[in-house]
Amino acid sequence: KNRSAGAESDYQNYAQEAQSLDQSQLMVGDLLSTGEASLTGLVQQRQQMRGIKRRVFDMGNKLGISNSTMRIIERRDITDAYLVFGGMVVTCIVIYFCWFHF
């Protein structure tokens, strides 16, 4: 009788494990779907931004802004990005020292 009770318990454990695995698989599928939707949205935004950039350059050319001026603006964007990332690194270092040394 103890063997049959143990076997039933094992079957219940296996059934719970299978149910848990099924739920995990559904959750992973949902996560992948969400990630795919996010990636698709980002790709569409990138394409829109490329179109906007092209239109801005066209407008600049129509207004008489030279290519050298446009290059200066692009370089400024890159410099600004470096400043932002440098500031983030410095902020993280300051937070690290404050957190672990005080």
Protein backbone atom coordinates (compact mmCIF):
# COMPACT_ATOMS: atom_id res chain seq x y z
CA LYS A 1 0.00 0.00 0.00
CA ASN A 2 2.88 2.38 0.72
CA ARG A 3 4.24 1.80 -2.78
CA SER A 4 0.97 2.80 -4.44
CA ALA A 5 0.72 5.93 -2.26
CA GLY A 6 4.30 6.81 -3.18
CA ALA A 7 3.61 6.16 -6.86
CA GLU A 8 0.55 8.42 -6.77
CA SER A 9 2.61 11.10 -5.10
CA ASP A 10 5.26 10.72 -7.80
CA TYR A 11 2.61 10.97 -10.52
CA GLN A 12 1.20 14.11 -8.92
CA ASN A 13 4.66 15.61 -8.71
CA TYR A 14 5.30 14.78 -12.37
CA ALA A 15 1.93 16.25 -13.34
CA GLN A 16 2.71 19.46 -11.43
CA GLU A 17 6.14 19.59 -13.03
CA ALA A 18 4.64 19.15 -16.51
CA GLN A 19 2.07 21.87 -15.81
CA SER A 20 4.81 24.18 -14.55
CA LEU A 21 6.89 23.52 -17.67
CA ASP A 22 3.88 24.23 -19.89
CA GLN A 23 3.26 27.53 -18.10
CA SER A 24 6.95 28.42 -18.39
CA GLN A 25 6.89 27.65 -22.09
CA LEU A 26 3.84 29.90 -22.57
CA MET A 27 5.54 32.68 -20.62
CA VAL A 28 8.69 32.40 -22.72
CA GLY A 29 6.56 32.48 -25.87
CA ASP A 30 4.84 35.64 -24.64
CA LEU A 31 8.20 37.17 -23.81
CA LEU A 32 9.53 36.38 -27.28
CA SER A 33 6.41 37.85 -28.88
CA THR A 34 6.80 41.03 -26.85
CA GLY A 35 10.47 41.27 -27.79
CA GLU A 36 9.66 40.74 -31.46
CA ALA A 37 7.00 43.45 -31.36
CA SER A 38 9.44 45.85 -29.68
CA LEU A 39 12.12 45.11 -32.26
CA THR A 40 9.66 45.64 -35.11
CA GLY A 41 8.65 48.98 -33.60
CA LEU A 42 12.28 50.05 -33.27
CA VAL A 43 12.99 49.11 -36.88
CA GLN A 44 10.02 51.17 -38.04
CA GLN A 45 11.15 54.13 -35.92
CA ARG A 46 14.65 53.86 -37.38
CA GLN A 47 13.26 53.96 -40.90
CA GLN A 48 11.12 56.98 -40.03
CA MET A 49 14.12 58.76 -38.52
CA ARG A 50 16.17 58.09 -41.65
CA GLY A 51 13.38 59.61 -43.72
CA ILE A 52 13.21 62.63 -41.42
CA LYS A 53 16.99 63.08 -41.58
CA ARG A 54 16.86 62.93 -45.38
CA ARG A 55 14.09 65.55 -45.45
CA VAL A 56 16.02 67.83 -43.09
CA PHE A 57 19.08 67.61 -45.33
CA ASP A 58 16.94 68.32 -48.38
CA MET A 59 15.39 71.33 -46.64
CA GLY A 60 18.83 72.51 -45.62
CA ASN A 61 20.04 72.28 -49.20
CA LYS A 62 16.98 74.19 -50.41
CA LEU A 63 17.55 76.89 -47.81
CA GLY A 64 21.18 77.24 -48.83
CA ILE A 65 22.87 75.56 -45.89
CA SER A 66 26.17 74.22 -47.15
CA ASN A 67 27.40 70.67 -46.73
CA SER A 68 30.18 71.86 -44.45
CA THR A 69 27.61 73.39 -42.09
CA MET A 70 25.68 70.11 -42.06
CA ARG A 71 28.90 68.22 -41.24
CA ILE A 72 29.59 70.61 -38.35
CA ILE A 73 26.10 69.91 -37.02
CA GLU A 74 26.66 66.15 -37.30
CA ARG A 75 30.03 66.44 -35.51
CA ARG A 76 28.34 68.42 -32.77
CA ASP A 77 25.82 65.60 -32.31
CA ILE A 78 28.65 63.08 -31.95
CA THR A 79 30.48 65.34 -29.48
CA ASP A 80 27.29 65.74 -27.46
CA ALA A 81 26.86 61.96 -27.36
CA TYR A 82 30.42 61.54 -26.04
CA LEU A 83 29.75 64.16 -23.38
CA VAL A 84 26.55 62.41 -22.29
CA PHE A 85 28.23 59.00 -22.05
CA GLY A 86 31.23 60.50 -20.24
CA GLY A 87 28.89 62.16 -17.77
CA MET A 88 27.08 58.88 -17.19
CA VAL A 89 30.38 57.09 -16.48
CA VAL A 90 31.51 59.81 -14.06
CA THR A 91 28.12 59.72 -12.32
CA CYS A 92 28.33 55.92 -11.94
CA ILE A 93 31.84 56.20 -10.49
CA VAL A 94 30.72 58.84 -7.99
CA ILE A 95 27.72 56.72 -6.97
CA TYR A 96 29.98 53.67 -6.59
CA PHE A 97 32.40 55.50 -4.29
CA CYS A 98 29.58 57.03 -2.27
CA TRP A 99 27.81 53.71 -1.90
CA PHE A 100 30.77 51.55 -0.92
CA HIS A 101 33.00 54.00 0.92
CA PHE A 102 30.53 55.89 3.11
